[in-house]
């Protein structure tokens, strides 16, 4: 990537981030748009989690990785400390792989 492209992307990112605080009091969104944006954000996050949990490279990740993500999600839902969530998820995936699960 050339320096010019990097600078254009950096300026664009800065402009988008600056637009939020500058336009916060000037732009009013309807209730319907606000609800749609909340649902869209949740849908996007769910799609990203599903893609990361179910695929590895260009194929299916097997059963170990989704099981680890599920255990980590349950631990986070139970509001366990973040370190415990990560260790439980990694340990679940590692144990399942050690037992021969793909």
PDB file of N, CA and C in Angstrom:
ATOM      1  N   UNK A   1       0.852  -1.170   0.000  1.00  0.00           N
ATOM      2  CA  UNK A   1       0.000   0.000   0.000  1.00  0.00           C
ATOM      3  C   UNK A   1       0.900   1.235   0.000  1.00  0.00           C
ATOM      4  N   UNK A   2       0.547   2.196  -0.794  1.00  0.00           N
ATOM      5  CA  UNK A   2       1.384   3.386  -0.878  1.00  0.00           C
ATOM      6  C   UNK A   2       1.107   4.320   0.286  1.00  0.00           C
ATOM      7  N   UNK A   3       2.011   5.239   0.492  1.00  0.00           N
ATOM      8  CA  UNK A   3       1.874   6.205   1.571  1.00  0.00           C
ATOM      9  C   UNK A   3       0.633   7.072   1.377  1.00  0.00           C
ATOM     10  N   UNK A   4       0.323   7.414   0.135  1.00  0.00           N
ATOM     11  CA  UNK A   4      -0.853   8.242  -0.137  1.00  0.00           C
ATOM     12  C   UNK A   4      -2.133   7.515   0.282  1.00  0.00           C
ATOM     13  N   UNK A   5      -2.221   6.221  -0.013  1.00  0.00           N
ATOM     14  CA  UNK A   5      -3.411   5.453   0.361  1.00  0.00           C
ATOM     15  C   UNK A   5      -3.543   5.372   1.876  1.00  0.00           C
ATOM     16  N   UNK A   6      -2.429   5.170   2.552  1.00  0.00           N
ATOM     17  CA  UNK A   6      -2.459   5.106   4.015  1.00  0.00           C
ATOM     18  C   UNK A   6      -2.920   6.442   4.594  1.00  0.00           C
ATOM     19  N   UNK A   7      -2.426   7.537   4.075  1.00  0.00           N
ATOM     20  CA  UNK A   7      -2.823   8.860   4.561  1.00  0.00           C
ATOM     21  C   UNK A   7      -4.301   9.135   4.298  1.00  0.00           C
ATOM     22  N   UNK A   8      -4.800   8.743   3.124  1.00  0.00           N
ATOM     23  CA  UNK A   8      -6.222   8.944   2.808  1.00  0.00           C
ATOM     24  C   UNK A   8      -7.089   8.129   3.764  1.00  0.00           C
ATOM     25  N   UNK A   9      -6.720   6.881   3.990  1.00  0.00           N
ATOM     26  CA  UNK A   9      -7.484   6.049   4.915  1.00  0.00           C
ATOM     27  C   UNK A   9      -7.419   6.587   6.343  1.00  0.00           C
ATOM     28  N   UNK A  10      -6.263   7.074   6.749  1.00  0.00           N
ATOM     29  CA  UNK A  10      -6.129   7.640   8.093  1.00  0.00           C
ATOM     30  C   UNK A  10      -6.988   8.884   8.254  1.00  0.00           C
ATOM     31  N   UNK A  11      -6.990   9.748   7.260  1.00  0.00           N
ATOM     32  CA  UNK A  11      -7.813  10.959   7.323  1.00  0.00           C
ATOM     33  C   UNK A  11      -9.301  10.614   7.308  1.00  0.00           C
ATOM     34  N   UNK A  12      -9.677   9.639   6.503  1.00  0.00           N
ATOM     35  CA  UNK A  12     -11.076   9.215   6.471  1.00  0.00           C
ATOM     36  C   UNK A  12     -11.525   8.659   7.809  1.00  0.00           C
ATOM     37  N   UNK A  13     -10.683   7.833   8.423  1.00  0.00           N
ATOM     38  CA  UNK A  13     -11.003   7.275   9.732  1.00  0.00           C
ATOM     39  C   UNK A  13     -11.120   8.379  10.776  1.00  0.00           C
ATOM     40  N   UNK A  14     -10.186   9.307  10.763  1.00  0.00           N
ATOM     41  CA  UNK A  14     -10.232  10.419  11.708  1.00  0.00           C
ATOM     42  C   UNK A  14     -11.493  11.252  11.497  1.00  0.00           C
ATOM     43  N   UNK A  15     -11.843  11.491  10.230  1.00  0.00           N
ATOM     44  CA  UNK A  15     -13.048  12.276   9.934  1.00  0.00           C
ATOM     45  C   UNK A  15     -14.322  11.595  10.427  1.00  0.00           C
ATOM     46  N   UNK A  16     -14.415  10.285  10.234  1.00  0.00           N
ATOM     47  CA  UNK A  16     -15.596   9.563  10.720  1.00  0.00           C
ATOM     48  C   UNK A  16     -15.674   9.583  12.243  1.00  0.00           C
ATOM     49  N   UNK A  17     -14.533   9.425  12.893  1.00  0.00           N
ATOM     50  CA  UNK A  17     -14.530   9.456  14.363  1.00  0.00           C
ATOM     51  C   UNK A  17     -14.853  10.851  14.893  1.00  0.00           C
ATOM     52  N   UNK A  18     -14.429  11.869  14.205  1.00  0.00           N
ATOM     53  CA  UNK A  18     -14.690  13.238  14.627  1.00  0.00           C
ATOM     54  C   UNK A  18     -16.143  13.636  14.367  1.00  0.00           C
ATOM     55  N   UNK A  19     -16.764  13.043  13.353  1.00  0.00           N
ATOM     56  CA  UNK A  19     -18.143  13.389  13.007  1.00  0.00           C
ATOM     57  C   UNK A  19     -19.114  13.051  14.129  1.00  0.00           C
ATOM     58  N   UNK A  20     -18.869  11.966  14.865  1.00  0.00           N
ATOM     59  CA  UNK A  20     -19.763  11.573  15.946  1.00  0.00           C
ATOM     60  C   UNK A  20     -19.951  12.663  16.991  1.00  0.00           C
ATOM     61  N   UNK A  21     -18.873  13.099  17.650  1.00  0.00           N
ATOM     62  CA  UNK A  21     -19.035  14.158  18.651  1.00  0.00           C
ATOM     63  C   UNK A  21     -19.526  15.494  18.067  1.00  0.00           C
ATOM     64  N   UNK A  22     -19.119  15.802  16.840  1.00  0.00           N
ATOM     65  CA  UNK A  22     -19.533  17.081  16.260  1.00  0.00           C
ATOM     66  C   UNK A  22     -21.003  17.096  15.863  1.00  0.00           C
ATOM     67  N   UNK A  23     -21.527  15.976  15.433  1.00  0.00           N
ATOM     68  CA  UNK A  23     -22.909  15.930  14.944  1.00  0.00           C
ATOM     69  C   UNK A  23     -23.889  15.364  15.960  1.00  0.00           C
ATOM     70  N   UNK A  24     -23.431  14.989  17.134  1.00  0.00           N
ATOM     71  CA  UNK A  24     -24.284  14.345  18.136  1.00  0.00           C
ATOM     72  C   UNK A  24     -25.527  15.173  18.455  1.00  0.00           C
ATOM     73  N   UNK A  25     -25.382  16.469  18.610  1.00  0.00           N
ATOM     74  CA  UNK A  25     -26.514  17.313  18.990  1.00  0.00           C
ATOM     75  C   UNK A  25     -27.294  17.841  17.785  1.00  0.00           C
ATOM     76  N   UNK A  26     -26.783  17.659  16.593  1.00  0.00           N
ATOM     77  CA  UNK A  26     -27.436  18.211  15.412  1.00  0.00           C
ATOM     78  C   UNK A  26     -28.318  17.206  14.681  1.00  0.00           C
ATOM     79  N   UNK A  27     -28.002  15.941  14.791  1.00  0.00           N
ATOM     80  CA  UNK A  27     -28.740  14.918  14.046  1.00  0.00           C
ATOM     81  C   UNK A  27     -29.616  14.135  15.020  1.00  0.00           C
ATOM     82  N   UNK A  28     -30.894  14.048  14.694  1.00  0.00           N
ATOM     83  CA  UNK A  28     -31.835  13.275  15.515  1.00  0.00           C
ATOM     84  C   UNK A  28     -32.311  12.079  14.715  1.00  0.00           C
ATOM     85  N   UNK A  29     -32.209  10.905  15.286  1.00  0.00           N
ATOM     86  CA  UNK A  29     -32.680   9.690  14.635  1.00  0.00           C
ATOM     87  C   UNK A  29     -34.034   9.310  15.220  1.00  0.00           C
ATOM     88  N   UNK A  30     -34.890   8.787  14.368  1.00  0.00           N
ATOM     89  CA  UNK A  30     -36.197   8.362  14.857  1.00  0.00           C
ATOM     90  C   UNK A  30     -36.038   7.105  15.719  1.00  0.00           C
ATOM     91  N   UNK A  31     -37.079   6.803  16.475  1.00  0.00           N
ATOM     92  CA  UNK A  31     -37.055   5.599  17.328  1.00  0.00           C
ATOM     93  C   UNK A  31     -36.866   4.345  16.496  1.00  0.00           C
ATOM     94  N   UNK A  32     -37.523   4.306  15.352  1.00  0.00           N
ATOM     95  CA  UNK A  32     -37.424   3.125  14.484  1.00  0.00           C
ATOM     96  C   UNK A  32     -35.989   2.927  14.007  1.00  0.00           C
ATOM     97  N   UNK A  33     -35.345   3.987  13.571  1.00  0.00           N
ATOM     98  CA  UNK A  33     -33.961   3.894  13.103  1.00  0.00           C
ATOM     99  C   UNK A  33     -33.046   3.470  14.249  1.00  0.00           C
ATOM    100  N   UNK A  34     -33.273   3.999  15.429  1.00  0.00           N
ATOM    101  CA  UNK A  34     -32.467   3.630  16.592  1.00  0.00           C
ATOM    102  C   UNK A  34     -32.608   2.144  16.896  1.00  0.00           C
ATOM    103  N   UNK A  35     -33.845   1.621  16.836  1.00  0.00           N
ATOM    104  CA  UNK A  35     -34.067   0.187  17.079  1.00  0.00           C
ATOM    105  C   UNK A  35     -33.398  -0.663  16.004  1.00  0.00           C
ATOM    106  N   UNK A  36     -33.513  -0.236  14.741  1.00  0.00           N
ATOM    107  CA  UNK A  36     -32.906  -0.987  13.648  1.00  0.00           C
ATOM    108  C   UNK A  36     -31.383  -1.012  13.792  1.00  0.00           C
ATOM    109  N   UNK A  37     -30.789   0.104  14.177  1.00  0.00           N
ATOM    110  CA  UNK A  37     -29.345   0.155  14.367  1.00  0.00           C
ATOM    111  C   UNK A  37     -28.899  -0.755  15.506  1.00  0.00           C
ATOM    112  N   UNK A  38     -29.677  -0.822  16.572  1.00  0.00           N
ATOM    113  CA  UNK A  38     -29.337  -1.716  17.688  1.00  0.00           C
ATOM    114  C   UNK A  38     -29.407  -3.172  17.247  1.00  0.00           C
ATOM    115  N   UNK A  39     -30.437  -3.518  16.492  1.00  0.00           N
ATOM    116  CA  UNK A  39     -30.562  -4.897  16.000  1.00  0.00           C
ATOM    117  C   UNK A  39     -29.445  -5.201  15.006  1.00  0.00           C
ATOM    118  N   UNK A  40     -29.107  -4.249  14.156  1.00  0.00           N
ATOM    119  CA  UNK A  40     -28.052  -4.453  13.167  1.00  0.00           C
ATOM    120  C   UNK A  40     -26.705  -4.678  13.847  1.00  0.00           C
ATOM    121  N   UNK A  41     -26.430  -3.927  14.886  1.00  0.00           N
ATOM    122  CA  UNK A  41     -25.171  -4.106  15.606  1.00  0.00           C
ATOM    123  C   UNK A  41     -25.108  -5.490  16.255  1.00  0.00           C
ATOM    124  N   UNK A  42     -26.205  -5.923  16.848  1.00  0.00           N
ATOM    125  CA  UNK A  42     -26.250  -7.242  17.472  1.00  0.00           C
ATOM    126  C   UNK A  42     -26.099  -8.336  16.422  1.00  0.00           C
ATOM    127  N   UNK A  43     -26.743  -8.180  15.290  1.00  0.00           N
ATOM    128  CA  UNK A  43     -26.645  -9.166  14.214  1.00  0.00           C
ATOM    129  C   UNK A  43     -25.225  -9.254  13.675  1.00  0.00           C
ATOM    130  N   UNK A  44     -24.580  -8.125  13.489  1.00  0.00           N
ATOM    131  CA  UNK A  44     -23.207  -8.114  13.002  1.00  0.00           C
ATOM    132  C   UNK A  44     -22.261  -8.787  13.987  1.00  0.00           C
ATOM    133  N   UNK A  45     -22.414  -8.486  15.271  1.00  0.00           N
ATOM    134  CA  UNK A  45     -21.565  -9.108  16.282  1.00  0.00           C
ATOM    135  C   UNK A  45     -21.781 -10.619  16.324  1.00  0.00           C
ATOM    136  N   UNK A  46     -23.032 -11.059  16.222  1.00  0.00           N
ATOM    137  CA  UNK A  46     -23.335 -12.487  16.211  1.00  0.00           C
ATOM    138  C   UNK A  46     -22.706 -13.165  14.995  1.00  0.00           C
ATOM    139  N   UNK A  47     -22.781 -12.530  13.841  1.00  0.00           N
ATOM    140  CA  UNK A  47     -22.183 -13.094  12.632  1.00  0.00           C
ATOM    141  C   UNK A  47     -20.663 -13.197  12.759  1.00  0.00           C
ATOM    142  N   UNK A  48     -20.032 -12.196  13.343  1.00  0.00           N
ATOM    143  CA  UNK A  48     -18.585 -12.249  13.539  1.00  0.00           C
ATOM    144  C   UNK A  48     -18.193 -13.367  14.499  1.00  0.00           C
ATOM    145  N   UNK A  49     -18.948 -13.532  15.575  1.00  0.00           N
ATOM    146  CA  UNK A  49     -18.661 -14.599  16.531  1.00  0.00           C
ATOM    147  C   UNK A  49     -18.848 -15.960  15.877  1.00  0.00           C
ATOM    148  N   UNK A  50     -19.930 -16.123  15.130  1.00  0.00           N
ATOM    149  CA  UNK A  50     -20.186 -17.402  14.474  1.00  0.00           C
ATOM    150  C   UNK A  50     -19.100 -17.730  13.458  1.00  0.00           C
ATOM    151  N   UNK A  51     -18.679 -16.747  12.695  1.00  0.00           N
ATOM    152  CA  UNK A  51     -17.622 -16.973  11.705  1.00  0.00           C
ATOM    153  C   UNK A  51     -16.313 -17.353  12.386  1.00  0.00           C
ATOM    154  N   UNK A  52     -15.964 -16.665  13.456  1.00  0.00           N
ATOM    155  CA  UNK A  52     -14.720 -16.969  14.157  1.00  0.00           C
ATOM    156  C   UNK A  52     -14.781 -18.310  14.867  1.00  0.00           C
ATOM    157  N   UNK A  53     -15.959 -18.688  15.357  1.00  0.00           N
ATOM    158  CA  UNK A  53     -16.081 -19.923  16.126  1.00  0.00           C
ATOM    159  C   UNK A  53     -16.224 -21.162  15.243  1.00  0.00           C
ATOM    160  N   UNK A  54     -16.761 -21.022  14.053  1.00  0.00           N
ATOM    161  CA  UNK A  54     -17.072 -22.188  13.234  1.00  0.00           C
ATOM    162  C   UNK A  54     -16.114 -22.427  12.081  1.00  0.00           C
ATOM    163  N   UNK A  55     -15.261 -21.472  11.756  1.00  0.00           N
ATOM    164  CA  UNK A  55     -14.357 -21.653  10.625  1.00  0.00           C
ATOM    165  C   UNK A  55     -12.906 -21.482  11.041  1.00  0.00           C
ATOM    166  N   UNK A  56     -12.071 -22.198  10.321  1.00  0.00           N
ATOM    167  CA  UNK A  56     -10.631 -22.061  10.490  1.00  0.00           C
ATOM    168  C   UNK A  56     -10.021 -22.108   9.099  1.00  0.00           C
ATOM    169  N   UNK A  57      -9.386 -21.052   8.692  1.00  0.00           N
ATOM    170  CA  UNK A  57      -8.908 -20.979   7.322  1.00  0.00           C
ATOM    171  C   UNK A  57     -10.090 -20.866   6.380  1.00  0.00           C
ATOM    172  N   UNK A  58     -10.221 -21.836   5.483  1.00  0.00           N
ATOM    173  CA  UNK A  58     -11.342 -21.792   4.543  1.00  0.00           C
ATOM    174  C   UNK A  58     -12.335 -22.926   4.778  1.00  0.00           C
ATOM    175  N   UNK A  59     -12.216 -23.615   5.910  1.00  0.00           N
ATOM    176  CA  UNK A  59     -13.108 -24.736   6.165  1.00  0.00           C
ATOM    177  C   UNK A  59     -13.674 -24.717   7.565  1.00  0.00           C
ATOM    178  N   UNK A  60     -14.414 -25.784   7.866  1.00  0.00           N
ATOM    179  CA  UNK A  60     -15.039 -25.935   9.180  1.00  0.00           C
ATOM    180  C   UNK A  60     -13.965 -26.178  10.234  1.00  0.00           C
ATOM    181  N   UNK A  61     -14.105 -25.593  11.401  1.00  0.00           N
ATOM    182  CA  UNK A  61     -13.089 -25.678  12.446  1.00  0.00           C
ATOM    183  C   UNK A  61     -13.158 -26.975  13.249  1.00  0.00           C
ATOM    184  N   UNK A  62     -14.204 -27.750  13.089  1.00  0.00           N
ATOM    185  CA  UNK A  62     -14.361 -28.957  13.894  1.00  0.00           C
ATOM    186  C   UNK A  62     -15.200 -28.645  15.124  1.00  0.00           C
ATOM    187  N   UNK A  63     -15.291 -29.615  16.030  1.00  0.00           N
ATOM    188  CA  UNK A  63     -16.154 -29.461  17.205  1.00  0.00           C
ATOM    189  C   UNK A  63     -15.447 -28.804  18.393  1.00  0.00           C
ATOM    190  N   UNK A  64     -14.150 -28.882  18.451  1.00  0.00           N
ATOM    191  CA  UNK A  64     -13.420 -28.383  19.624  1.00  0.00           C
ATOM    192  C   UNK A  64     -13.527 -26.873  19.794  1.00  0.00           C
ATOM    193  N   UNK A  65     -13.309 -26.149  18.720  1.00  0.00           N
ATOM    194  CA  UNK A  65     -13.331 -24.685  18.801  1.00  0.00           C
ATOM    195  C   UNK A  65     -14.711 -24.142  19.166  1.00  0.00           C
ATOM    196  N   UNK A  66     -15.793 -24.569  18.507  1.00  0.00           N
ATOM    197  CA  UNK A  66     -17.117 -24.080  18.922  1.00  0.00           C
ATOM    198  C   UNK A  66     -17.458 -24.451  20.363  1.00  0.00           C
ATOM    199  N   UNK A  67     -17.027 -25.642  20.810  1.00  0.00           N
ATOM    200  CA  UNK A  67     -17.288 -26.035  22.200  1.00  0.00           C
ATOM    201  C   UNK A  67     -16.550 -25.103  23.160  1.00  0.00           C
ATOM    202  N   UNK A  68     -15.309 -24.750  22.837  1.00  0.00           N
ATOM    203  CA  UNK A  68     -14.562 -23.809  23.670  1.00  0.00           C
ATOM    204  C   UNK A  68     -15.197 -22.440  23.710  1.00  0.00           C
ATOM    205  N   UNK A  69     -15.684 -21.984  22.552  1.00  0.00           N
ATOM    206  CA  UNK A  69     -16.365 -20.689  22.503  1.00  0.00           C
ATOM    207  C   UNK A  69     -17.644 -20.730  23.331  1.00  0.00           C
ATOM    208  N   UNK A  70     -18.372 -21.847  23.247  1.00  0.00           N
ATOM    209  CA  UNK A  70     -19.603 -21.993  24.028  1.00  0.00           C
ATOM    210  C   UNK A  70     -19.311 -21.955  25.526  1.00  0.00           C
ATOM    211  N   UNK A  71     -18.281 -22.675  25.965  1.00  0.00           N
ATOM    212  CA  UNK A  71     -17.919 -22.667  27.391  1.00  0.00           C
ATOM    213  C   UNK A  71     -17.484 -21.259  27.808  1.00  0.00           C
ATOM    214  N   UNK A  72     -16.702 -20.599  26.970  1.00  0.00           N
ATOM    215  CA  UNK A  72     -16.296 -19.230  27.278  1.00  0.00           C
ATOM    216  C   UNK A  72     -17.482 -18.281  27.345  1.00  0.00           C
ATOM    217  N   UNK A  73     -18.440 -18.455  26.425  1.00  0.00           N
ATOM    218  CA  UNK A  73     -19.645 -17.623  26.439  1.00  0.00           C
ATOM    219  C   UNK A  73     -20.471 -17.831  27.693  1.00  0.00           C
ATOM    220  N   UNK A  74     -20.603 -19.097  28.103  1.00  0.00           N
ATOM    221  CA  UNK A  74     -21.345 -19.379  29.338  1.00  0.00           C
ATOM    222  C   UNK A  74     -20.628 -18.794  30.559  1.00  0.00           C
ATOM    223  N   UNK A  75     -19.308 -18.895  30.566  1.00  0.00           N
ATOM    224  CA  UNK A  75     -18.543 -18.323  31.682  1.00  0.00           C
ATOM    225  C   UNK A  75     -18.686 -16.798  31.721  1.00  0.00           C
ATOM    226  N   UNK A  76     -18.673 -16.169  30.558  1.00  0.00           N
ATOM    227  CA  UNK A  76     -18.850 -14.712  30.505  1.00  0.00           C
ATOM    228  C   UNK A  76     -20.256 -14.330  30.933  1.00  0.00           C
ATOM    229  N   UNK A  77     -21.242 -15.129  30.518  1.00  0.00           N
ATOM    230  CA  UNK A  77     -22.625 -14.877  30.905  1.00  0.00           C
ATOM    231  C   UNK A  77     -22.794 -14.977  32.417  1.00  0.00           C
ATOM    232  N   UNK A  78     -22.039 -15.885  33.055  1.00  0.00           N
ATOM    233  CA  UNK A  78     -22.074 -16.027  34.514  1.00  0.00           C
ATOM    234  C   UNK A  78     -21.229 -14.954  35.202  1.00  0.00           C
ATOM    235  N   UNK A  79     -20.665 -14.053  34.407  1.00  0.00           N
ATOM    236  CA  UNK A  79     -19.869 -12.914  34.885  1.00  0.00           C
ATOM    237  C   UNK A  79     -18.616 -13.331  35.649  1.00  0.00           C
ATOM    238  N   UNK A  80     -17.987 -14.396  35.167  1.00  0.00           N
ATOM    239  CA  UNK A  80     -16.706 -14.790  35.744  1.00  0.00           C
ATOM    240  C   UNK A  80     -15.637 -13.810  35.266  1.00  0.00           C
ATOM    241  N   UNK A  81     -14.527 -13.702  35.984  1.00  0.00           N
ATOM    242  CA  UNK A  81     -13.450 -12.805  35.540  1.00  0.00           C
ATOM    243  C   UNK A  81     -12.955 -13.178  34.138  1.00  0.00           C
ATOM    244  N   UNK A  82     -12.496 -12.186  33.412  1.00  0.00           N
ATOM    245  CA  UNK A  82     -12.091 -12.377  32.020  1.00  0.00           C
ATOM    246  C   UNK A  82     -11.010 -13.443  31.875  1.00  0.00           C
ATOM    247  N   UNK A  83     -10.049 -13.437  32.768  1.00  0.00           N
ATOM    248  CA  UNK A  83      -8.970 -14.430  32.699  1.00  0.00           C
ATOM    249  C   UNK A  83      -9.539 -15.833  32.834  1.00  0.00           C
ATOM    250  N   UNK A  84     -10.504 -16.018  33.716  1.00  0.00           N
ATOM    251  CA  UNK A  84     -11.129 -17.327  33.895  1.00  0.00           C
ATOM    252  C   UNK A  84     -11.892 -17.727  32.639  1.00  0.00           C
ATOM    253  N   UNK A  85     -12.573 -16.779  32.012  1.00  0.00           N
ATOM    254  CA  UNK A  85     -13.307 -17.053  30.772  1.00  0.00           C
ATOM    255  C   UNK A  85     -12.350 -17.558  29.692  1.00  0.00           C
ATOM    256  N   UNK A  86     -11.245 -16.868  29.516  1.00  0.00           N
ATOM    257  CA  UNK A  86     -10.275 -17.247  28.490  1.00  0.00           C
ATOM    258  C   UNK A  86      -9.661 -18.608  28.797  1.00  0.00           C
ATOM    259  N   UNK A  87      -9.282 -18.830  30.051  1.00  0.00           N
ATOM    260  CA  UNK A  87      -8.670 -20.112  30.424  1.00  0.00           C
ATOM    261  C   UNK A  87      -9.657 -21.261  30.243  1.00  0.00           C
ATOM    262  N   UNK A  88     -10.912 -21.071  30.640  1.00  0.00           N
ATOM    263  CA  UNK A  88     -11.907 -22.130  30.465  1.00  0.00           C
ATOM    264  C   UNK A  88     -12.132 -22.451  28.989  1.00  0.00           C
ATOM    265  N   UNK A  89     -12.235 -21.433  28.163  1.00  0.00           N
ATOM    266  CA  UNK A  89     -12.444 -21.650  26.729  1.00  0.00           C
ATOM    267  C   UNK A  89     -11.255 -22.369  26.108  1.00  0.00           C
ATOM    268  N   UNK A  90     -10.049 -21.914  26.427  1.00  0.00           N
ATOM    269  CA  UNK A  90      -8.849 -22.538  25.866  1.00  0.00           C
ATOM    270  C   UNK A  90      -8.685 -23.962  26.377  1.00  0.00           C
ATOM    271  N   UNK A  91      -8.939 -24.173  27.652  1.00  0.00           N
ATOM    272  CA  UNK A  91      -8.800 -25.514  28.223  1.00  0.00           C
ATOM    273  C   UNK A  91      -9.812 -26.478  27.615  1.00  0.00           C
ATOM    274  N   UNK A  92     -11.022 -26.023  27.412  1.00  0.00           N
ATOM    275  CA  UNK A  92     -12.035 -26.879  26.793  1.00  0.00           C
ATOM    276  C   UNK A  92     -11.606 -27.293  25.391  1.00  0.00           C
ATOM    277  N   UNK A  93     -11.167 -26.335  24.601  1.00  0.00           N
ATOM    278  CA  UNK A  93     -10.716 -26.639  23.244  1.00  0.00           C
ATOM    279  C   UNK A  93      -9.516 -27.577  23.278  1.00  0.00           C
ATOM    280  N   UNK A  94      -8.558 -27.312  24.168  1.00  0.00           N
ATOM    281  CA  UNK A  94      -7.354 -28.139  24.244  1.00  0.00           C
ATOM    282  C   UNK A  94      -7.669 -29.566  24.672  1.00  0.00           C
ATOM    283  N   UNK A  95      -8.510 -29.737  25.667  1.00  0.00           N
ATOM    284  CA  UNK A  95      -8.860 -31.086  26.149  1.00  0.00           C
ATOM    285  C   UNK A  95      -9.592 -31.861  25.063  1.00  0.00           C
ATOM    286  N   UNK A  96     -10.521 -31.205  24.386  1.00  0.00           N
ATOM    287  CA  UNK A  96     -11.245 -31.900  23.308  1.00  0.00           C
ATOM    288  C   UNK A  96     -10.308 -32.302  22.171  1.00  0.00           C
ATOM    289  N   UNK A  97      -9.366 -31.461  21.841  1.00  0.00           N
ATOM    290  CA  UNK A  97      -8.395 -31.802  20.790  1.00  0.00           C
ATOM    291  C   UNK A  97      -7.459 -32.908  21.258  1.00  0.00           C
ATOM    292  N   UNK A  98      -7.104 -32.892  22.539  1.00  0.00           N
ATOM    293  CA  UNK A  98      -6.259 -33.943  23.094  1.00  0.00           C
ATOM    294  C   UNK A  98      -6.979 -35.292  23.051  1.00  0.00           C
ATOM    295  N   UNK A  99      -8.288 -35.277  23.230  1.00  0.00           N
ATOM    296  CA  UNK A  99      -9.084 -36.502  23.189  1.00  0.00           C
ATOM    297  C   UNK A  99      -9.389 -36.964  21.757  1.00  0.00           C
ATOM    298  N   UNK A 100      -8.959 -36.171  20.782  1.00  0.00           N
ATOM    299  CA  UNK A 100      -9.113 -36.574  19.391  1.00  0.00           C
ATOM    300  C   UNK A 100     -10.246 -35.928  18.642  1.00  0.00           C
ATOM    301  N   UNK A 101     -10.977 -35.020  19.257  1.00  0.00           N
ATOM    302  CA  UNK A 101     -12.056 -34.325  18.540  1.00  0.00           C
ATOM    303  C   UNK A 101     -11.427 -33.335  17.550  1.00  0.00           C
ATOM    304  N   UNK A 102     -12.025 -33.212  16.375  1.00  0.00           N
ATOM    305  CA  UNK A 102     -11.447 -32.279  15.391  1.00  0.00           C
ATOM    306  C   UNK A 102     -11.634 -30.825  15.781  1.00  0.00           C
TER     307      UNK A 102
END
